Amino acid sequence: EFGKLLERERISSNEHLTRAILRERAATEEERQKAQRFAKQLEEKDRELKKHDAYYKEQLARLEERSAQFYKVTTEQYQKAADEVSARFK
């Protein structure tokens, strides 16, 4: 009878252990899938940021070009006006 009791305890312990292992495997798999989803989201965000970075660099280059053109025109107009004033008052 004591042997049967020990056998039942051993079987019960094995079942508990098996259930615990299965729960851990399921939890591990869930965490792995979650990590994969987060990795994909991170890659997507990184692509999006690179796209925005390229766009804003392009916009900055355009603004710098316009600014340079405006500076050139303004400088030419200033020099022309200065030359006219200088010629008038000589």
C-alpha atoms as a PDB file:
ATOM      1  CA  GLU A   1       0.000   0.000   0.000  1.00  0.00           C
ATOM      2  CA  PHE A   2       2.846   2.397   0.802  1.00  0.00           C
ATOM      3  CA  GLY A   3       4.409   1.510  -2.553  1.00  0.00           C
ATOM      4  CA  LYS A   4       1.165   2.349  -4.361  1.00  0.00           C
ATOM      5  CA  LEU A   5       1.009   5.677  -2.546  1.00  0.00           C
ATOM      6  CA  LEU A   6       4.594   6.464  -3.582  1.00  0.00           C
ATOM      7  CA  GLU A   7       3.804   5.490  -7.171  1.00  0.00           C
ATOM      8  CA  ARG A   8       0.747   7.796  -7.240  1.00  0.00           C
ATOM      9  CA  GLU A   9       2.856  10.638  -5.800  1.00  0.00           C
ATOM     10  CA  ARG A  10       5.529  10.051  -8.429  1.00  0.00           C
ATOM     11  CA  ILE A  11       2.926  10.041 -11.237  1.00  0.00           C
ATOM     12  CA  SER A  12       1.298  13.174  -9.825  1.00  0.00           C
ATOM     13  CA  SER A  13       4.675  14.921  -9.597  1.00  0.00           C
ATOM     14  CA  ASN A  14       5.505  13.926 -13.172  1.00  0.00           C
ATOM     15  CA  GLU A  15       2.154  15.284 -14.374  1.00  0.00           C
ATOM     16  CA  HIS A  16       2.747  18.573 -12.541  1.00  0.00           C
ATOM     17  CA  LEU A  17       6.224  18.778 -13.993  1.00  0.00           C
ATOM     18  CA  THR A  18       4.936  18.010 -17.495  1.00  0.00           C
ATOM     19  CA  ARG A  19       2.227  20.696 -17.204  1.00  0.00           C
ATOM     20  CA  ALA A  20       4.762  23.221 -15.919  1.00  0.00           C
ATOM     21  CA  ILE A  21       7.121  22.440 -18.800  1.00  0.00           C
ATOM     22  CA  LEU A  22       4.291  22.824 -21.335  1.00  0.00           C
ATOM     23  CA  ARG A  23       3.259  26.150 -19.781  1.00  0.00           C
ATOM     24  CA  GLU A  24       6.849  27.391 -19.951  1.00  0.00           C
ATOM     25  CA  ARG A  25       7.192  26.278 -23.567  1.00  0.00           C
ATOM     26  CA  ALA A  26       3.966  28.072 -24.467  1.00  0.00           C
ATOM     27  CA  ALA A  27       5.073  31.207 -22.644  1.00  0.00           C
ATOM     28  CA  THR A  28       8.479  31.068 -24.319  1.00  0.00           C
ATOM     29  CA  GLU A  29       6.891  30.690 -27.751  1.00  0.00           C
ATOM     30  CA  GLU A  30       4.559  33.600 -27.048  1.00  0.00           C
ATOM     31  CA  GLU A  31       7.497  35.771 -25.984  1.00  0.00           C
ATOM     32  CA  ARG A  32       9.434  34.765 -29.110  1.00  0.00           C
ATOM     33  CA  GLN A  33       6.504  35.728 -31.331  1.00  0.00           C
ATOM     34  CA  LYS A  34       6.087  39.003 -29.471  1.00  0.00           C
ATOM     35  CA  ALA A  35       9.793  39.756 -29.935  1.00  0.00           C
ATOM     36  CA  GLN A  36       9.475  39.037 -33.663  1.00  0.00           C
ATOM     37  CA  ARG A  37       6.499  41.397 -33.936  1.00  0.00           C
ATOM     38  CA  PHE A  38       8.409  44.130 -32.107  1.00  0.00           C
ATOM     39  CA  ALA A  39      11.447  43.575 -34.345  1.00  0.00           C
ATOM     40  CA  LYS A  40       9.266  43.963 -37.453  1.00  0.00           C
ATOM     41  CA  GLN A  41       7.666  47.113 -36.030  1.00  0.00           C
ATOM     42  CA  LEU A  42      11.104  48.507 -35.241  1.00  0.00           C
ATOM     43  CA  GLU A  43      12.325  47.787 -38.774  1.00  0.00           C
ATOM     44  CA  GLU A  44       9.224  49.492 -40.189  1.00  0.00           C
ATOM     45  CA  LYS A  45       9.757  52.551 -38.001  1.00  0.00           C
ATOM     46  CA  ASP A  46      13.419  52.640 -39.022  1.00  0.00           C
ATOM     47  CA  ARG A  47      12.454  52.564 -42.730  1.00  0.00           C
ATOM     48  CA  GLU A  48       9.911  55.307 -42.106  1.00  0.00           C
ATOM     49  CA  LEU A  49      12.468  57.466 -40.313  1.00  0.00           C
ATOM     50  CA  LYS A  50      14.990  56.996 -43.116  1.00  0.00           C
ATOM     51  CA  LYS A  51      12.328  58.001 -45.640  1.00  0.00           C
ATOM     52  CA  HIS A  52      11.516  61.134 -43.622  1.00  0.00           C
ATOM     53  CA  ASP A  53      15.214  61.904 -43.238  1.00  0.00           C
ATOM     54  CA  ALA A  54      15.734  61.738 -47.016  1.00  0.00           C
ATOM     55  CA  TYR A  55      12.682  63.926 -47.613  1.00  0.00           C
ATOM     56  CA  TYR A  56      13.793  66.599 -45.167  1.00  0.00           C
ATOM     57  CA  LYS A  57      17.346  66.582 -46.509  1.00  0.00           C
ATOM     58  CA  GLU A  58      15.914  67.152 -49.975  1.00  0.00           C
ATOM     59  CA  GLN A  59      13.736  69.990 -48.689  1.00  0.00           C
ATOM     60  CA  LEU A  60      16.703  71.541 -46.895  1.00  0.00           C
ATOM     61  CA  ALA A  61      18.790  71.383 -50.063  1.00  0.00           C
ATOM     62  CA  ARG A  62      15.995  73.119 -51.993  1.00  0.00           C
ATOM     63  CA  LEU A  63      15.698  75.848 -49.362  1.00  0.00           C
ATOM     64  CA  GLU A  64      19.445  76.375 -49.314  1.00  0.00           C
ATOM     65  CA  GLU A  65      19.475  76.670 -53.119  1.00  0.00           C
ATOM     66  CA  ARG A  66      16.622  79.208 -53.053  1.00  0.00           C
ATOM     67  CA  SER A  67      18.343  81.132 -50.303  1.00  0.00           C
ATOM     68  CA  ALA A  68      21.576  81.239 -52.315  1.00  0.00           C
ATOM     69  CA  GLN A  69      19.700  82.478 -55.376  1.00  0.00           C
ATOM     70  CA  PHE A  70      17.896  85.129 -53.339  1.00  0.00           C
ATOM     71  CA  TYR A  71      21.198  86.233 -51.783  1.00  0.00           C
ATOM     72  CA  LYS A  72      22.787  86.499 -55.224  1.00  0.00           C
ATOM     73  CA  VAL A  73      19.915  88.591 -56.628  1.00  0.00           C
ATOM     74  CA  THR A  74      19.828  90.811 -53.550  1.00  0.00           C
ATOM     75  CA  THR A  75      23.592  91.326 -53.675  1.00  0.00           C
ATOM     76  CA  GLU A  76      23.436  92.212 -57.372  1.00  0.00           C
ATOM     77  CA  GLN A  77      20.590  94.674 -56.778  1.00  0.00           C
ATOM     78  CA  TYR A  78      22.436  96.248 -53.853  1.00  0.00           C
ATOM     79  CA  GLN A  79      25.628  96.611 -55.893  1.00  0.00           C
ATOM     80  CA  LYS A  80      23.689  98.111 -58.817  1.00  0.00           C
ATOM     81  CA  ALA A  81      21.964 100.613 -56.510  1.00  0.00           C
ATOM     82  CA  ALA A  82      25.280 101.472 -54.839  1.00  0.00           C
ATOM     83  CA  ASP A  83      26.896 102.036 -58.244  1.00  0.00           C
ATOM     84  CA  GLU A  84      24.015 104.293 -59.345  1.00  0.00           C
ATOM     85  CA  VAL A  85      24.228 106.382 -56.159  1.00  0.00           C
ATOM     86  CA  SER A  86      27.983 106.587 -56.502  1.00  0.00           C
ATOM     87  CA  ALA A  87      27.701 107.695 -60.151  1.00  0.00           C
ATOM     88  CA  ARG A  88      25.098 110.367 -59.292  1.00  0.00           C
ATOM     89  CA  PHE A  89      27.077 111.979 -56.527  1.00  0.00           C
ATOM     90  CA  LYS A  90      30.529 112.054 -58.087  1.00  0.00           C
END
